[in-house]
């Protein structure tokens, strides 16, 4: 039996991204940008996942989050109307 570890990690990323997208109220409750960096669920992404946040001022009311693993991404637009979407870079 051959195990494709990359495919397993991609699936892990996709499942967590889909959970965040379907239940944002459970995952996305931040008072500041620094609260995002403290989120325990970030550690549930596969090793090698990266994230970047705009609005690095700790007092920022609106900011964007980009979480990536290989060519897959999760974007969170954290503003008055929360937007969460996933995709694959071409």
C-alpha atoms as a PDB file:
ATOM      1  CA  UNK A   1       0.000   0.000   0.000  1.00  0.00           C
ATOM      2  CA  UNK A   2       1.403   3.368  -1.024  1.00  0.00           C
ATOM      3  CA  UNK A   3       0.598   6.343   1.183  1.00  0.00           C
ATOM      4  CA  UNK A   4       0.658   9.798  -0.387  1.00  0.00           C
ATOM      5  CA  UNK A   5       1.573  12.018   2.550  1.00  0.00           C
ATOM      6  CA  UNK A   6       1.292  15.229   0.518  1.00  0.00           C
ATOM      7  CA  UNK A   7      -2.266  14.338  -0.496  1.00  0.00           C
ATOM      8  CA  UNK A   8      -3.082  13.574   3.152  1.00  0.00           C
ATOM      9  CA  UNK A   9      -1.759  16.977   4.256  1.00  0.00           C
ATOM     10  CA  UNK A  10      -3.677  18.760   1.490  1.00  0.00           C
ATOM     11  CA  UNK A  11      -6.842  16.961   2.579  1.00  0.00           C
ATOM     12  CA  UNK A  12      -6.183  17.994   6.194  1.00  0.00           C
ATOM     13  CA  UNK A  13      -5.812  21.632   5.102  1.00  0.00           C
ATOM     14  CA  UNK A  14      -8.958  21.512   2.983  1.00  0.00           C
ATOM     15  CA  UNK A  15     -11.074  19.945   5.731  1.00  0.00           C
ATOM     16  CA  UNK A  16     -10.073  22.548   8.302  1.00  0.00           C
ATOM     17  CA  UNK A  17     -10.527  25.386   5.784  1.00  0.00           C
ATOM     18  CA  UNK A  18     -14.021  24.074   4.984  1.00  0.00           C
ATOM     19  CA  UNK A  19     -14.887  23.859   8.698  1.00  0.00           C
ATOM     20  CA  UNK A  20     -13.787  27.458   9.211  1.00  0.00           C
ATOM     21  CA  UNK A  21     -15.762  28.541   6.157  1.00  0.00           C
ATOM     22  CA  UNK A  22     -18.918  26.723   7.270  1.00  0.00           C
ATOM     23  CA  UNK A  23     -18.694  27.731  10.956  1.00  0.00           C
ATOM     24  CA  UNK A  24     -16.907  31.100  11.032  1.00  0.00           C
ATOM     25  CA  UNK A  25     -18.649  32.134  14.261  1.00  0.00           C
ATOM     26  CA  UNK A  26     -16.903  29.241  16.047  1.00  0.00           C
ATOM     27  CA  UNK A  27     -13.401  30.006  14.726  1.00  0.00           C
ATOM     28  CA  UNK A  28     -13.323  33.716  13.954  1.00  0.00           C
ATOM     29  CA  UNK A  29     -13.975  35.721  17.092  1.00  0.00           C
ATOM     30  CA  UNK A  30     -11.091  38.182  17.384  1.00  0.00           C
ATOM     31  CA  UNK A  31     -10.934  41.507  19.167  1.00  0.00           C
ATOM     32  CA  UNK A  32      -7.561  42.286  17.606  1.00  0.00           C
ATOM     33  CA  UNK A  33      -4.986  41.010  15.162  1.00  0.00           C
ATOM     34  CA  UNK A  34      -2.947  39.541  18.009  1.00  0.00           C
ATOM     35  CA  UNK A  35      -5.946  37.368  18.962  1.00  0.00           C
ATOM     36  CA  UNK A  36      -5.666  35.709  15.553  1.00  0.00           C
ATOM     37  CA  UNK A  37      -2.061  34.690  16.231  1.00  0.00           C
ATOM     38  CA  UNK A  38      -3.178  33.140  19.537  1.00  0.00           C
ATOM     39  CA  UNK A  39      -5.904  30.994  17.913  1.00  0.00           C
ATOM     40  CA  UNK A  40      -5.323  27.367  18.906  1.00  0.00           C
ATOM     41  CA  UNK A  41      -6.823  26.035  15.655  1.00  0.00           C
ATOM     42  CA  UNK A  42      -3.875  27.440  13.678  1.00  0.00           C
ATOM     43  CA  UNK A  43      -1.849  24.518  15.008  1.00  0.00           C
ATOM     44  CA  UNK A  44      -4.352  22.089  13.438  1.00  0.00           C
ATOM     45  CA  UNK A  45      -3.201  22.999   9.928  1.00  0.00           C
ATOM     46  CA  UNK A  46      -0.515  20.757   8.393  1.00  0.00           C
ATOM     47  CA  UNK A  47       3.120  21.535   9.044  1.00  0.00           C
ATOM     48  CA  UNK A  48       4.338  23.947   6.373  1.00  0.00           C
ATOM     49  CA  UNK A  49       1.173  26.045   6.374  1.00  0.00           C
ATOM     50  CA  UNK A  50       1.882  29.774   6.348  1.00  0.00           C
ATOM     51  CA  UNK A  51      -0.292  32.725   7.261  1.00  0.00           C
ATOM     52  CA  UNK A  52      -0.102  36.465   6.825  1.00  0.00           C
ATOM     53  CA  UNK A  53      -2.279  39.235   8.221  1.00  0.00           C
ATOM     54  CA  UNK A  54      -2.765  42.798   7.000  1.00  0.00           C
ATOM     55  CA  UNK A  55      -3.609  45.531   9.476  1.00  0.00           C
ATOM     56  CA  UNK A  56      -0.797  44.630  11.843  1.00  0.00           C
ATOM     57  CA  UNK A  57      -1.755  47.485  14.160  1.00  0.00           C
ATOM     58  CA  UNK A  58      -3.141  45.733  17.220  1.00  0.00           C
ATOM     59  CA  UNK A  59      -6.008  48.233  17.260  1.00  0.00           C
ATOM     60  CA  UNK A  60      -7.092  47.487  13.671  1.00  0.00           C
ATOM     61  CA  UNK A  61     -10.840  46.889  13.371  1.00  0.00           C
ATOM     62  CA  UNK A  62     -10.601  45.404   9.888  1.00  0.00           C
ATOM     63  CA  UNK A  63      -7.931  43.117   8.513  1.00  0.00           C
ATOM     64  CA  UNK A  64      -7.373  40.328   5.998  1.00  0.00           C
ATOM     65  CA  UNK A  65      -5.899  36.910   6.693  1.00  0.00           C
ATOM     66  CA  UNK A  66      -4.272  34.647   4.109  1.00  0.00           C
ATOM     67  CA  UNK A  67      -3.548  31.051   5.119  1.00  0.00           C
ATOM     68  CA  UNK A  68      -1.725  28.879   2.564  1.00  0.00           C
ATOM     69  CA  UNK A  69      -0.537  25.321   2.165  1.00  0.00           C
ATOM     70  CA  UNK A  70       1.170  24.541  -1.137  1.00  0.00           C
ATOM     71  CA  UNK A  71      -1.235  25.858  -3.827  1.00  0.00           C
ATOM     72  CA  UNK A  72      -4.309  25.859  -1.561  1.00  0.00           C
ATOM     73  CA  UNK A  73      -5.458  28.914   0.326  1.00  0.00           C
ATOM     74  CA  UNK A  74      -8.012  30.233   2.781  1.00  0.00           C
ATOM     75  CA  UNK A  75      -8.795  33.959   2.780  1.00  0.00           C
ATOM     76  CA  UNK A  76     -10.611  35.642   5.645  1.00  0.00           C
ATOM     77  CA  UNK A  77     -11.738  39.233   5.225  1.00  0.00           C
ATOM     78  CA  UNK A  78     -12.389  40.287   8.797  1.00  0.00           C
ATOM     79  CA  UNK A  79     -14.505  43.416   8.602  1.00  0.00           C
ATOM     80  CA  UNK A  80     -18.115  44.497   9.160  1.00  0.00           C
ATOM     81  CA  UNK A  81     -19.278  41.771   6.811  1.00  0.00           C
ATOM     82  CA  UNK A  82     -17.085  38.734   7.368  1.00  0.00           C
ATOM     83  CA  UNK A  83     -16.049  36.916   4.168  1.00  0.00           C
ATOM     84  CA  UNK A  84     -14.336  33.529   4.095  1.00  0.00           C
ATOM     85  CA  UNK A  85     -13.362  31.683   0.934  1.00  0.00           C
ATOM     86  CA  UNK A  86     -10.979  28.986  -0.231  1.00  0.00           C
ATOM     87  CA  UNK A  87      -9.305  28.174  -3.497  1.00  0.00           C
ATOM     88  CA  UNK A  88      -6.341  26.862  -5.422  1.00  0.00           C
ATOM     89  CA  UNK A  89      -3.668  29.101  -6.943  1.00  0.00           C
ATOM     90  CA  UNK A  90      -3.318  28.574 -10.672  1.00  0.00           C
END
